[in-house]
Amino acid sequence: MTEHSKDDAASAPADKDGLPPQAASQAAKDGWERGVLEQLALATVTEQRLRRRWGIFFKSATLVLAAFALWNLFDLGGGDMETLGRHTALIEIDGEIDAEGSAAASVIMPALNKAYADAGSVGIIMHINSPGGSPVQAGMINDEMTRLRKLYPQKPLYVVVDEICASGGYYIAAGADRIYVNKASIVGSIGVLMDGFGFTGLMDKLGVERRLMTAGENKGFLDPFSPQTDKHKAYAQLMLNEIHQQFIGAVRAGRGKRLKETPEMFSGLFWSGSKAVEMGLADGFGSVDSVARDVLNAEDVIDYTPHEGLPERVLRKFGAAVGAGAVKTTFHGFKPSLH
């Protein structure tokens, strides 16, 4: 730099902080970089705090759900339902009857017991809208209804049919004191079935060989990839006939002399509600409200049906999946059904 340039730089005006232009420029640059670094550091800290807070939230929510599930699973709330005023107890059976759904015996039977045990309930209405399902679950519910009717003879148990009460649904309904229907309801289908598929013909066409090894000559019973033998078919039919007779026995025991039996009554056919009343399969026409009001004289209806939340559904699905796996291993998807 020449002497003249040095003099010019020295004589250049300073900024407001008393710094020469070059120093001020460098300071401004350093300040901008520092500001950016400070903002980045602040953003990182904020993000870490948010992540930590959300982590705490989700862990806490998981613990709350787990605690709620255990509370319901082991009935830590204890005790029966608080005694309510004079009312009609309602229990809903909606959909297929199976071991893992809302119409399972493990769901309906405790609800029945609570409804009967409440001093304020003058009677129970079981509202059924079901095409059927498991004969085991339906039979267990029917047995419990019979037991409770004897234990609480002063409290009548009525069934009110919605759209359909067929097969396993009617197996349950037969355990009631009376059955009320709509004239267009579907009622009946007193029969048992066991369905599945056989793929042996298709396998032959595709050149697929089934290699099934068993210990026990009947262990491959009903295997869909093996030919069906006359022996196995006859055995399955005997089992279906036995379950059918159990179903018929429950209907006769529940309906008694009201039944006007015909050769087709237990054939698996179903009828309209009006025809069911004529045949003695039902007693009259009515809805939940009309039966509570006009028959039980207690128009206040309290629903005792358990409604599962997320924790219960998860636990039930887990247990059902384990059980279903064992059943499928044994029966390859074939099992008796009241549909």
C-alpha atoms as a PDB file:
ATOM      1  CA  MET A   1       0.000   0.000   0.000  1.00  0.00           C
ATOM      2  CA  THR A   2       1.386   3.437  -0.876  1.00  0.00           C
ATOM      3  CA  GLU A   3       1.894   6.130   1.623  1.00  0.00           C
ATOM      4  CA  HIS A   4      -1.029   7.970   0.106  1.00  0.00           C
ATOM      5  CA  SER A   5      -3.340   4.953   0.441  1.00  0.00           C
ATOM      6  CA  LYS A   6      -2.333   4.460   4.060  1.00  0.00           C
ATOM      7  CA  ASP A   7      -3.117   8.071   4.751  1.00  0.00           C
ATOM      8  CA  ASP A   8      -6.526   7.691   3.032  1.00  0.00           C
ATOM      9  CA  ALA A   9      -7.372   4.594   5.105  1.00  0.00           C
ATOM     10  CA  ALA A  10      -6.236   6.280   8.224  1.00  0.00           C
ATOM     11  CA  SER A  11      -8.243   9.351   7.417  1.00  0.00           C
ATOM     12  CA  ALA A  12     -11.416   7.355   6.448  1.00  0.00           C
ATOM     13  CA  PRO A  13     -14.338   8.060   8.769  1.00  0.00           C
ATOM     14  CA  ALA A  14     -14.935   5.512  11.531  1.00  0.00           C
ATOM     15  CA  ASP A  15     -18.385   3.825  12.107  1.00  0.00           C
ATOM     16  CA  LYS A  16     -20.622   4.647  15.070  1.00  0.00           C
ATOM     17  CA  ASP A  17     -18.680   2.232  17.325  1.00  0.00           C
ATOM     18  CA  GLY A  18     -15.428   3.969  16.486  1.00  0.00           C
ATOM     19  CA  LEU A  19     -14.198   1.130  14.223  1.00  0.00           C
ATOM     20  CA  PRO A  20     -12.663   1.724  10.812  1.00  0.00           C
ATOM     21  CA  PRO A  21     -14.677   0.427   7.794  1.00  0.00           C
ATOM     22  CA  GLN A  22     -12.717  -2.830   7.348  1.00  0.00           C
ATOM     23  CA  ALA A  23     -12.941  -3.728  11.038  1.00  0.00           C
ATOM     24  CA  ALA A  24     -16.631  -2.847  11.085  1.00  0.00           C
ATOM     25  CA  SER A  25     -17.234  -5.077   8.059  1.00  0.00           C
ATOM     26  CA  GLN A  26     -15.416  -7.987   9.681  1.00  0.00           C
ATOM     27  CA  ALA A  27     -17.314  -7.463  12.928  1.00  0.00           C
ATOM     28  CA  ALA A  28     -20.624  -7.447  11.061  1.00  0.00           C
ATOM     29  CA  LYS A  29     -19.683 -10.694   9.308  1.00  0.00           C
ATOM     30  CA  ASP A  30     -18.679 -12.312  12.607  1.00  0.00           C
ATOM     31  CA  GLY A  31     -21.934 -11.108  14.202  1.00  0.00           C
ATOM     32  CA  TRP A  32     -24.061 -12.615  11.381  1.00  0.00           C
ATOM     33  CA  GLU A  33     -22.322 -15.985  11.617  1.00  0.00           C
ATOM     34  CA  ARG A  34     -22.686 -15.964  15.383  1.00  0.00           C
ATOM     35  CA  GLY A  35     -26.382 -15.144  15.045  1.00  0.00           C
ATOM     36  CA  VAL A  36     -26.939 -18.035  12.649  1.00  0.00           C
ATOM     37  CA  LEU A  37     -25.074 -20.419  14.951  1.00  0.00           C
ATOM     38  CA  GLU A  38     -27.102 -19.215  17.915  1.00  0.00           C
ATOM     39  CA  GLN A  39     -30.358 -19.735  15.981  1.00  0.00           C
ATOM     40  CA  LEU A  40     -29.276 -23.244  14.912  1.00  0.00           C
ATOM     41  CA  ALA A  41     -28.316 -24.133  18.472  1.00  0.00           C
ATOM     42  CA  LEU A  42     -31.632 -22.771  19.778  1.00  0.00           C
ATOM     43  CA  ALA A  43     -33.586 -24.738  17.137  1.00  0.00           C
ATOM     44  CA  THR A  44     -31.715 -27.934  18.040  1.00  0.00           C
ATOM     45  CA  VAL A  45     -32.414 -27.491  21.741  1.00  0.00           C
ATOM     46  CA  THR A  46     -36.097 -26.738  21.025  1.00  0.00           C
ATOM     47  CA  GLU A  47     -36.401 -29.840  18.827  1.00  0.00           C
ATOM     48  CA  GLN A  48     -34.800 -32.012  21.497  1.00  0.00           C
ATOM     49  CA  ARG A  49     -37.187 -30.635  24.114  1.00  0.00           C
ATOM     50  CA  LEU A  50     -40.201 -31.315  21.872  1.00  0.00           C
ATOM     51  CA  ARG A  51     -38.973 -34.828  21.109  1.00  0.00           C
ATOM     52  CA  ARG A  52     -38.450 -35.488  24.811  1.00  0.00           C
ATOM     53  CA  ARG A  53     -41.919 -34.136  25.679  1.00  0.00           C
ATOM     54  CA  TRP A  54     -43.622 -36.219  22.969  1.00  0.00           C
ATOM     55  CA  GLY A  55     -41.674 -39.271  24.130  1.00  0.00           C
ATOM     56  CA  ILE A  56     -42.886 -38.727  27.678  1.00  0.00           C
ATOM     57  CA  PHE A  57     -46.440 -38.216  26.398  1.00  0.00           C
ATOM     58  CA  PHE A  58     -46.512 -41.432  24.360  1.00  0.00           C
ATOM     59  CA  LYS A  59     -44.911 -43.464  27.149  1.00  0.00           C
ATOM     60  CA  SER A  60     -47.433 -42.097  29.634  1.00  0.00           C
ATOM     61  CA  ALA A  61     -50.334 -42.815  27.259  1.00  0.00           C
ATOM     62  CA  THR A  62     -49.089 -46.383  26.770  1.00  0.00           C
ATOM     63  CA  LEU A  63     -48.867 -46.897  30.531  1.00  0.00           C
ATOM     64  CA  VAL A  64     -52.385 -45.496  31.016  1.00  0.00           C
ATOM     65  CA  LEU A  65     -53.809 -47.813  28.336  1.00  0.00           C
ATOM     66  CA  ALA A  66     -51.996 -50.801  29.821  1.00  0.00           C
ATOM     67  CA  ALA A  67     -53.229 -49.963  33.315  1.00  0.00           C
ATOM     68  CA  PHE A  68     -56.792 -49.524  32.024  1.00  0.00           C
ATOM     69  CA  ALA A  69     -56.625 -52.864  30.227  1.00  0.00           C
ATOM     70  CA  LEU A  70     -55.381 -54.634  33.370  1.00  0.00           C
ATOM     71  CA  TRP A  71     -58.039 -52.882  35.457  1.00  0.00           C
ATOM     72  CA  ASN A  72     -60.785 -54.246  33.221  1.00  0.00           C
ATOM     73  CA  LEU A  73     -59.134 -57.608  32.691  1.00  0.00           C
ATOM     74  CA  PHE A  74     -58.939 -58.382  36.403  1.00  0.00           C
ATOM     75  CA  ASP A  75     -62.091 -56.423  37.323  1.00  0.00           C
ATOM     76  CA  LEU A  76     -60.170 -54.236  39.779  1.00  0.00           C
ATOM     77  CA  GLY A  77     -63.179 -51.937  39.941  1.00  0.00           C
ATOM     78  CA  GLY A  78     -64.803 -54.703  41.948  1.00  0.00           C
ATOM     79  CA  GLY A  79     -68.397 -55.155  42.932  1.00  0.00           C
ATOM     80  CA  ASP A  80     -71.569 -55.348  40.944  1.00  0.00           C
ATOM     81  CA  MET A  81     -73.163 -52.434  39.162  1.00  0.00           C
ATOM     82  CA  GLU A  82     -74.559 -49.821  41.490  1.00  0.00           C
ATOM     83  CA  THR A  83     -78.230 -50.431  42.166  1.00  0.00           C
ATOM     84  CA  LEU A  84     -80.348 -48.347  39.827  1.00  0.00           C
ATOM     85  CA  GLY A  85     -83.995 -47.344  40.028  1.00  0.00           C
ATOM     86  CA  ARG A  86     -86.820 -49.531  38.741  1.00  0.00           C
ATOM     87  CA  HIS A  87     -85.976 -50.378  35.146  1.00  0.00           C
ATOM     88  CA  THR A  88     -85.833 -52.947  32.357  1.00  0.00           C
ATOM     89  CA  ALA A  89     -82.381 -54.471  31.836  1.00  0.00           C
ATOM     90  CA  LEU A  90     -81.268 -54.718  28.207  1.00  0.00           C
ATOM     91  CA  ILE A  91     -78.610 -57.008  26.728  1.00  0.00           C
ATOM     92  CA  GLU A  92     -77.717 -56.761  23.042  1.00  0.00           C
ATOM     93  CA  ILE A  93     -76.572 -59.706  20.907  1.00  0.00           C
ATOM     94  CA  ASP A  94     -75.631 -58.288  17.535  1.00  0.00           C
ATOM     95  CA  GLY A  95     -73.784 -60.130  14.785  1.00  0.00           C
ATOM     96  CA  GLU A  96     -72.124 -63.515  14.591  1.00  0.00           C
ATOM     97  CA  ILE A  97     -71.881 -65.571  17.761  1.00  0.00           C
ATOM     98  CA  ASP A  98     -68.288 -66.635  18.303  1.00  0.00           C
ATOM     99  CA  ALA A  99     -65.672 -66.857  21.013  1.00  0.00           C
ATOM    100  CA  GLU A 100     -63.911 -63.608  20.142  1.00  0.00           C
ATOM    101  CA  GLY A 101     -66.739 -61.185  19.344  1.00  0.00           C
ATOM    102  CA  SER A 102     -69.197 -59.054  21.264  1.00  0.00           C
ATOM    103  CA  ALA A 103     -71.679 -61.966  21.333  1.00  0.00           C
ATOM    104  CA  ALA A 104     -69.271 -64.398  23.014  1.00  0.00           C
ATOM    105  CA  ALA A 105     -70.466 -66.290  26.074  1.00  0.00           C
ATOM    106  CA  SER A 106     -67.669 -64.652  28.098  1.00  0.00           C
ATOM    107  CA  VAL A 107     -69.234 -61.257  27.303  1.00  0.00           C
ATOM    108  CA  ILE A 108     -72.955 -62.059  27.528  1.00  0.00           C
ATOM    109  CA  MET A 109     -72.966 -64.273  30.629  1.00  0.00           C
ATOM    110  CA  PRO A 110     -71.457 -61.680  33.042  1.00  0.00           C
ATOM    111  CA  ALA A 111     -73.890 -59.085  31.662  1.00  0.00           C
ATOM    112  CA  LEU A 112     -76.794 -61.433  32.350  1.00  0.00           C
ATOM    113  CA  ASN A 113     -75.629 -61.987  35.913  1.00  0.00           C
ATOM    114  CA  LYS A 114     -75.321 -58.248  36.579  1.00  0.00           C
ATOM    115  CA  ALA A 115     -78.747 -57.581  35.074  1.00  0.00           C
ATOM    116  CA  TYR A 116     -80.391 -60.217  37.272  1.00  0.00           C
ATOM    117  CA  ALA A 117     -78.467 -59.226  40.401  1.00  0.00           C
ATOM    118  CA  ASP A 118     -79.452 -55.559  40.261  1.00  0.00           C
ATOM    119  CA  ALA A 119     -82.339 -54.985  42.666  1.00  0.00           C
ATOM    120  CA  GLY A 120     -83.797 -52.308  40.405  1.00  0.00           C
ATOM    121  CA  SER A 121     -84.256 -54.525  37.342  1.00  0.00           C
ATOM    122  CA  VAL A 122     -87.776 -55.925  37.044  1.00  0.00           C
ATOM    123  CA  GLY A 123     -86.992 -58.048  34.003  1.00  0.00           C
ATOM    124  CA  ILE A 124     -84.449 -58.626  31.260  1.00  0.00           C
ATOM    125  CA  ILE A 125     -84.806 -58.113  27.528  1.00  0.00           C
ATOM    126  CA  MET A 126     -82.266 -59.804  25.287  1.00  0.00           C
ATOM    127  CA  HIS A 127     -82.302 -57.994  21.946  1.00  0.00           C
ATOM    128  CA  ILE A 128     -81.039 -60.388  19.260  1.00  0.00           C
ATOM    129  CA  ASN A 129     -80.000 -59.617  15.698  1.00  0.00           C
ATOM    130  CA  SER A 130     -77.820 -62.563  14.678  1.00  0.00           C
ATOM    131  CA  PRO A 131     -77.561 -65.107  11.848  1.00  0.00           C
ATOM    132  CA  GLY A 132     -75.990 -67.644  14.215  1.00  0.00           C
ATOM    133  CA  GLY A 133     -72.507 -68.925  14.856  1.00  0.00           C
ATOM    134  CA  SER A 134     -70.803 -71.237  17.303  1.00  0.00           C
ATOM    135  CA  PRO A 135     -72.969 -73.970  18.857  1.00  0.00           C
ATOM    136  CA  VAL A 136     -70.628 -73.988  21.847  1.00  0.00           C
ATOM    137  CA  GLN A 137     -71.053 -70.278  22.594  1.00  0.00           C
ATOM    138  CA  ALA A 138     -74.813 -70.400  21.955  1.00  0.00           C
ATOM    139  CA  GLY A 139     -75.193 -73.473  24.166  1.00  0.00           C
ATOM    140  CA  MET A 140     -73.258 -71.879  27.026  1.00  0.00           C
ATOM    141  CA  ILE A 141     -75.431 -68.759  26.918  1.00  0.00           C
ATOM    142  CA  ASN A 142     -78.620 -70.860  26.748  1.00  0.00           C
ATOM    143  CA  ASP A 143     -77.504 -72.896  29.772  1.00  0.00           C
ATOM    144  CA  GLU A 144     -76.756 -69.739  31.767  1.00  0.00           C
ATOM    145  CA  MET A 145     -80.145 -68.257  30.878  1.00  0.00           C
ATOM    146  CA  THR A 146     -81.840 -71.431  32.158  1.00  0.00           C
ATOM    147  CA  ARG A 147     -79.850 -71.341  35.386  1.00  0.00           C
ATOM    148  CA  LEU A 148     -80.596 -67.673  36.078  1.00  0.00           C
ATOM    149  CA  ARG A 149     -84.307 -68.064  35.332  1.00  0.00           C
ATOM    150  CA  LYS A 150     -84.478 -70.716  38.054  1.00  0.00           C
ATOM    151  CA  LEU A 151     -82.389 -68.600  40.437  1.00  0.00           C
ATOM    152  CA  TYR A 152     -84.510 -65.466  39.910  1.00  0.00           C
ATOM    153  CA  PRO A 153     -88.028 -66.772  39.120  1.00  0.00           C
ATOM    154  CA  GLN A 154     -89.559 -63.351  39.829  1.00  0.00           C
ATOM    155  CA  LYS A 155     -87.619 -61.714  36.989  1.00  0.00           C
ATOM    156  CA  PRO A 156     -88.795 -62.698  33.500  1.00  0.00           C
ATOM    157  CA  LEU A 157     -86.347 -62.955  30.622  1.00  0.00           C
ATOM    158  CA  TYR A 158     -87.705 -62.008  27.211  1.00  0.00           C
ATOM    159  CA  VAL A 159     -86.081 -62.058  23.780  1.00  0.00           C
ATOM    160  CA  VAL A 160     -86.912 -59.375  21.239  1.00  0.00           C
ATOM    161  CA  VAL A 161     -85.866 -60.243  17.687  1.00  0.00           C
ATOM    162  CA  ASP A 162     -84.674 -57.530  15.334  1.00  0.00           C
ATOM    163  CA  GLU A 163     -83.962 -58.386  11.673  1.00  0.00           C
ATOM    164  CA  ILE A 164     -82.867 -61.984  12.150  1.00  0.00           C
ATOM    165  CA  CYS A 165     -82.671 -64.606  14.868  1.00  0.00           C
ATOM    166  CA  ALA A 166     -81.512 -67.735  13.110  1.00  0.00           C
ATOM    167  CA  SER A 167     -79.623 -70.898  13.978  1.00  0.00           C
ATOM    168  CA  GLY A 168     -77.275 -70.088  16.890  1.00  0.00           C
ATOM    169  CA  GLY A 169     -79.243 -66.904  17.533  1.00  0.00           C
ATOM    170  CA  TYR A 170     -82.417 -68.952  17.933  1.00  0.00           C
ATOM    171  CA  TYR A 171     -80.536 -71.495  20.076  1.00  0.00           C
ATOM    172  CA  ILE A 172     -80.026 -68.617  22.542  1.00  0.00           C
ATOM    173  CA  ALA A 173     -83.563 -67.257  22.144  1.00  0.00           C
ATOM    174  CA  ALA A 174     -85.070 -70.632  23.036  1.00  0.00           C
ATOM    175  CA  GLY A 175     -83.771 -70.160  26.572  1.00  0.00           C
ATOM    176  CA  ALA A 176     -86.052 -67.167  27.243  1.00  0.00           C
ATOM    177  CA  ASP A 177     -89.482 -67.073  28.883  1.00  0.00           C
ATOM    178  CA  ARG A 178     -90.989 -65.487  25.768  1.00  0.00           C
ATOM    179  CA  ILE A 179     -89.858 -64.490  22.295  1.00  0.00           C
ATOM    180  CA  TYR A 180     -91.175 -61.364  20.569  1.00  0.00           C
ATOM    181  CA  VAL A 181     -90.604 -60.694  16.880  1.00  0.00           C
ATOM    182  CA  ASN A 182     -91.495 -58.310  14.107  1.00  0.00           C
ATOM    183  CA  LYS A 183     -93.819 -59.874  11.562  1.00  0.00           C
ATOM    184  CA  ALA A 184     -91.062 -59.589   8.933  1.00  0.00           C
ATOM    185  CA  SER A 185     -88.196 -60.879  11.115  1.00  0.00           C
ATOM    186  CA  ILE A 186     -86.307 -63.998   9.971  1.00  0.00           C
ATOM    187  CA  VAL A 187     -86.575 -66.785  12.552  1.00  0.00           C
ATOM    188  CA  GLY A 188     -85.525 -70.436  12.704  1.00  0.00           C
ATOM    189  CA  SER A 189     -82.854 -72.309  10.747  1.00  0.00           C
ATOM    190  CA  ILE A 190     -82.651 -75.041  13.385  1.00  0.00           C
ATOM    191  CA  GLY A 191     -79.793 -77.046  11.910  1.00  0.00           C
ATOM    192  CA  VAL A 192     -76.024 -77.524  11.952  1.00  0.00           C
ATOM    193  CA  LEU A 193     -73.454 -77.320   9.186  1.00  0.00           C
ATOM    194  CA  MET A 194     -69.758 -77.939   8.643  1.00  0.00           C
ATOM    195  CA  ASP A 195     -68.317 -76.483   5.471  1.00  0.00           C
ATOM    196  CA  GLY A 196     -64.963 -76.352   3.733  1.00  0.00           C
ATOM    197  CA  PHE A 197     -63.214 -77.012   0.423  1.00  0.00           C
ATOM    198  CA  GLY A 198     -61.444 -79.929  -1.217  1.00  0.00           C
ATOM    199  CA  PHE A 199     -58.602 -79.311  -3.672  1.00  0.00           C
ATOM    200  CA  THR A 200     -57.625 -82.847  -4.663  1.00  0.00           C
ATOM    201  CA  GLY A 201     -58.980 -82.647  -8.227  1.00  0.00           C
ATOM    202  CA  LEU A 202     -57.238 -79.349  -8.898  1.00  0.00           C
ATOM    203  CA  MET A 203     -54.004 -80.690  -7.425  1.00  0.00           C
ATOM    204  CA  ASP A 204     -54.134 -83.681  -9.762  1.00  0.00           C
ATOM    205  CA  LYS A 205     -54.534 -81.394 -12.777  1.00  0.00           C
ATOM    206  CA  LEU A 206     -51.628 -79.218 -11.673  1.00  0.00           C
ATOM    207  CA  GLY A 207     -49.433 -82.168 -10.812  1.00  0.00           C
ATOM    208  CA  VAL A 208     -49.222 -81.191  -7.139  1.00  0.00           C
ATOM    209  CA  GLU A 209     -48.589 -83.996  -4.670  1.00  0.00           C
ATOM    210  CA  ARG A 210     -49.821 -83.742  -1.063  1.00  0.00           C
ATOM    211  CA  ARG A 211     -47.255 -85.077   1.406  1.00  0.00           C
ATOM    212  CA  LEU A 212     -49.028 -85.439   4.736  1.00  0.00           C
ATOM    213  CA  MET A 213     -47.476 -87.490   7.501  1.00  0.00           C
ATOM    214  CA  THR A 214     -49.486 -88.338  10.623  1.00  0.00           C
ATOM    215  CA  ALA A 215     -49.181 -90.410  13.758  1.00  0.00           C
ATOM    216  CA  GLY A 216     -52.687 -91.793  14.214  1.00  0.00           C
ATOM    217  CA  GLU A 217     -54.731 -92.987  11.262  1.00  0.00           C
ATOM    218  CA  ASN A 218     -57.407 -90.291  11.655  1.00  0.00           C
ATOM    219  CA  LYS A 219     -55.132 -87.316  12.388  1.00  0.00           C
ATOM    220  CA  GLY A 220     -55.582 -86.055   8.814  1.00  0.00           C
ATOM    221  CA  PHE A 221     -59.356 -85.994   9.289  1.00  0.00           C
ATOM    222  CA  LEU A 222     -60.976 -83.334   7.042  1.00  0.00           C
ATOM    223  CA  ASP A 223     -57.657 -82.262   5.514  1.00  0.00           C
ATOM    224  CA  PRO A 224     -58.761 -80.246   2.427  1.00  0.00           C
ATOM    225  CA  PHE A 225     -55.769 -81.440   0.389  1.00  0.00           C
ATOM    226  CA  SER A 226     -56.467 -85.139   0.888  1.00  0.00           C
ATOM    227  CA  PRO A 227     -59.348 -87.230  -0.513  1.00  0.00           C
ATOM    228  CA  GLN A 228     -62.376 -87.540   1.777  1.00  0.00           C
ATOM    229  CA  THR A 229     -62.937 -91.120   2.860  1.00  0.00           C
ATOM    230  CA  ASP A 230     -66.367 -92.658   3.453  1.00  0.00           C
ATOM    231  CA  LYS A 231     -65.337 -93.397   7.027  1.00  0.00           C
ATOM    232  CA  HIS A 232     -64.452 -89.774   7.769  1.00  0.00           C
ATOM    233  CA  LYS A 233     -67.566 -88.467   6.051  1.00  0.00           C
ATOM    234  CA  ALA A 234     -69.782 -90.805   8.095  1.00  0.00           C
ATOM    235  CA  TYR A 235     -68.023 -89.814  11.318  1.00  0.00           C
ATOM    236  CA  ALA A 236     -68.478 -86.087  10.603  1.00  0.00           C
ATOM    237  CA  GLN A 237     -72.158 -86.664   9.868  1.00  0.00           C
ATOM    238  CA  LEU A 238     -72.621 -88.479  13.178  1.00  0.00           C
ATOM    239  CA  MET A 239     -71.065 -85.550  15.008  1.00  0.00           C
ATOM    240  CA  LEU A 240     -73.299 -83.045  13.187  1.00  0.00           C
ATOM    241  CA  ASN A 241     -76.371 -85.149  13.980  1.00  0.00           C
ATOM    242  CA  GLU A 242     -75.399 -85.221  17.652  1.00  0.00           C
ATOM    243  CA  ILE A 243     -75.042 -81.420  17.829  1.00  0.00           C
ATOM    244  CA  HIS A 244     -78.317 -81.049  15.914  1.00  0.00           C
ATOM    245  CA  GLN A 245     -80.097 -83.164  18.521  1.00  0.00           C
ATOM    246  CA  GLN A 246     -78.629 -80.984  21.266  1.00  0.00           C
ATOM    247  CA  PHE A 247     -80.041 -77.927  19.454  1.00  0.00           C
ATOM    248  CA  ILE A 248     -83.453 -79.576  19.043  1.00  0.00           C
ATOM    249  CA  GLY A 249     -83.466 -80.597  22.708  1.00  0.00           C
ATOM    250  CA  ALA A 250     -82.766 -76.991  23.773  1.00  0.00           C
ATOM    251  CA  VAL A 251     -85.614 -75.700  21.590  1.00  0.00           C
ATOM    252  CA  ARG A 252     -88.081 -78.289  22.884  1.00  0.00           C
ATOM    253  CA  ALA A 253     -87.056 -77.637  26.492  1.00  0.00           C
ATOM    254  CA  GLY A 254     -87.404 -73.897  26.090  1.00  0.00           C
ATOM    255  CA  ARG A 255     -90.586 -73.747  24.034  1.00  0.00           C
ATOM    256  CA  GLY A 256     -92.378 -76.761  25.472  1.00  0.00           C
ATOM    257  CA  LYS A 257     -95.995 -77.296  24.429  1.00  0.00           C
ATOM    258  CA  ARG A 258     -96.054 -74.007  22.543  1.00  0.00           C
ATOM    259  CA  LEU A 259     -94.291 -75.715  19.626  1.00  0.00           C
ATOM    260  CA  LYS A 260     -96.482 -76.926  16.794  1.00  0.00           C
ATOM    261  CA  GLU A 261     -93.955 -79.364  15.405  1.00  0.00           C
ATOM    262  CA  THR A 262     -93.892 -80.293  11.745  1.00  0.00           C
ATOM    263  CA  PRO A 263     -91.384 -82.459   9.844  1.00  0.00           C
ATOM    264  CA  GLU A 264     -89.717 -79.291   8.508  1.00  0.00           C
ATOM    265  CA  MET A 265     -89.429 -77.431  11.820  1.00  0.00           C
ATOM    266  CA  PHE A 266     -85.949 -78.822  12.557  1.00  0.00           C
ATOM    267  CA  SER A 267     -84.818 -79.158   8.931  1.00  0.00           C
ATOM    268  CA  GLY A 268     -82.803 -75.928   8.811  1.00  0.00           C
ATOM    269  CA  LEU A 269     -85.539 -73.866   7.135  1.00  0.00           C
ATOM    270  CA  PHE A 270     -86.354 -70.394   8.412  1.00  0.00           C
ATOM    271  CA  TRP A 271     -89.591 -68.418   8.474  1.00  0.00           C
ATOM    272  CA  SER A 272     -90.982 -64.919   8.801  1.00  0.00           C
ATOM    273  CA  GLY A 273     -91.831 -63.594  12.237  1.00  0.00           C
ATOM    274  CA  SER A 274     -95.563 -63.935  11.631  1.00  0.00           C
ATOM    275  CA  LYS A 275     -95.153 -67.573  10.575  1.00  0.00           C
ATOM    276  CA  ALA A 276     -92.882 -68.224  13.563  1.00  0.00           C
ATOM    277  CA  VAL A 277     -95.678 -67.077  15.893  1.00  0.00           C
ATOM    278  CA  GLU A 278     -98.102 -69.479  14.179  1.00  0.00           C
ATOM    279  CA  MET A 279     -95.622 -72.360  14.600  1.00  0.00           C
ATOM    280  CA  GLY A 280     -94.957 -71.625  18.259  1.00  0.00           C
ATOM    281  CA  LEU A 281     -91.355 -70.586  17.627  1.00  0.00           C
ATOM    282  CA  ALA A 282     -92.276 -67.123  18.926  1.00  0.00           C
ATOM    283  CA  ASP A 283     -94.954 -65.753  21.236  1.00  0.00           C
ATOM    284  CA  GLY A 284     -95.998 -62.435  19.760  1.00  0.00           C
ATOM    285  CA  PHE A 285     -94.996 -59.154  18.196  1.00  0.00           C
ATOM    286  CA  GLY A 286     -93.109 -56.381  19.901  1.00  0.00           C
ATOM    287  CA  SER A 287     -90.053 -54.155  20.116  1.00  0.00           C
ATOM    288  CA  VAL A 288     -87.706 -53.425  22.997  1.00  0.00           C
ATOM    289  CA  ASP A 289     -89.665 -50.306  23.918  1.00  0.00           C
ATOM    290  CA  SER A 290     -93.096 -51.901  23.654  1.00  0.00           C
ATOM    291  CA  VAL A 291     -92.129 -54.964  25.694  1.00  0.00           C
ATOM    292  CA  ALA A 292     -90.488 -52.804  28.381  1.00  0.00           C
ATOM    293  CA  ARG A 293     -93.514 -50.499  28.508  1.00  0.00           C
ATOM    294  CA  ASP A 294     -96.465 -52.830  28.009  1.00  0.00           C
ATOM    295  CA  VAL A 295     -95.231 -56.211  29.281  1.00  0.00           C
ATOM    296  CA  LEU A 296     -92.716 -55.398  32.007  1.00  0.00           C
ATOM    297  CA  ASN A 297     -94.313 -52.044  32.917  1.00  0.00           C
ATOM    298  CA  ALA A 298     -90.850 -50.512  33.278  1.00  0.00           C
ATOM    299  CA  GLU A 299     -90.215 -48.261  30.291  1.00  0.00           C
ATOM    300  CA  ASP A 300     -86.855 -47.013  31.614  1.00  0.00           C
ATOM    301  CA  VAL A 301     -84.362 -49.255  29.790  1.00  0.00           C
ATOM    302  CA  ILE A 302     -80.793 -49.665  31.057  1.00  0.00           C
ATOM    303  CA  ASP A 303     -78.261 -51.268  28.710  1.00  0.00           C
ATOM    304  CA  TYR A 304     -76.045 -53.820  30.475  1.00  0.00           C
ATOM    305  CA  THR A 305     -74.199 -54.810  27.308  1.00  0.00           C
ATOM    306  CA  PRO A 306     -70.418 -54.464  27.756  1.00  0.00           C
ATOM    307  CA  HIS A 307     -68.863 -52.168  25.161  1.00  0.00           C
ATOM    308  CA  GLU A 308     -65.192 -52.918  24.674  1.00  0.00           C
ATOM    309  CA  GLY A 309     -62.593 -50.211  24.387  1.00  0.00           C
ATOM    310  CA  LEU A 310     -59.268 -50.435  22.571  1.00  0.00           C
ATOM    311  CA  PRO A 311     -57.310 -52.222  25.353  1.00  0.00           C
ATOM    312  CA  GLU A 312     -59.939 -54.931  25.730  1.00  0.00           C
ATOM    313  CA  ARG A 313     -60.162 -55.449  21.973  1.00  0.00           C
ATOM    314  CA  VAL A 314     -56.384 -55.817  21.705  1.00  0.00           C
ATOM    315  CA  LEU A 315     -56.242 -58.335  24.566  1.00  0.00           C
ATOM    316  CA  ARG A 316     -59.233 -60.279  23.253  1.00  0.00           C
ATOM    317  CA  LYS A 317     -57.839 -60.383  19.710  1.00  0.00           C
ATOM    318  CA  PHE A 318     -54.506 -61.638  21.025  1.00  0.00           C
ATOM    319  CA  GLY A 319     -56.137 -64.417  23.032  1.00  0.00           C
ATOM    320  CA  ALA A 320     -58.474 -65.311  20.166  1.00  0.00           C
ATOM    321  CA  ALA A 321     -55.597 -65.478  17.710  1.00  0.00           C
ATOM    322  CA  VAL A 322     -53.763 -67.974  19.916  1.00  0.00           C
ATOM    323  CA  GLY A 323     -56.907 -70.106  20.302  1.00  0.00           C
ATOM    324  CA  ALA A 324     -57.787 -69.913  16.612  1.00  0.00           C
ATOM    325  CA  GLY A 325     -54.308 -71.071  15.688  1.00  0.00           C
ATOM    326  CA  ALA A 326     -54.714 -74.184  17.801  1.00  0.00           C
ATOM    327  CA  VAL A 327     -58.154 -74.924  16.333  1.00  0.00           C
ATOM    328  CA  LYS A 328     -56.966 -74.457  12.750  1.00  0.00           C
ATOM    329  CA  THR A 329     -54.021 -76.741  13.368  1.00  0.00           C
ATOM    330  CA  THR A 330     -56.420 -79.502  14.393  1.00  0.00           C
ATOM    331  CA  PHE A 331     -59.427 -78.983  12.134  1.00  0.00           C
ATOM    332  CA  HIS A 332     -57.940 -77.160   9.114  1.00  0.00           C
ATOM    333  CA  GLY A 333     -60.755 -74.588   9.245  1.00  0.00           C
ATOM    334  CA  PHE A 334     -63.574 -77.165   9.495  1.00  0.00           C
ATOM    335  CA  LYS A 335     -65.781 -76.812  12.568  1.00  0.00           C
ATOM    336  CA  PRO A 336     -69.511 -77.160  13.268  1.00  0.00           C
ATOM    337  CA  SER A 337     -71.490 -73.993  12.903  1.00  0.00           C
ATOM    338  CA  LEU A 338     -75.069 -72.899  13.542  1.00  0.00           C
ATOM    339  CA  HIS A 339     -75.703 -70.685  10.498  1.00  0.00           C
END
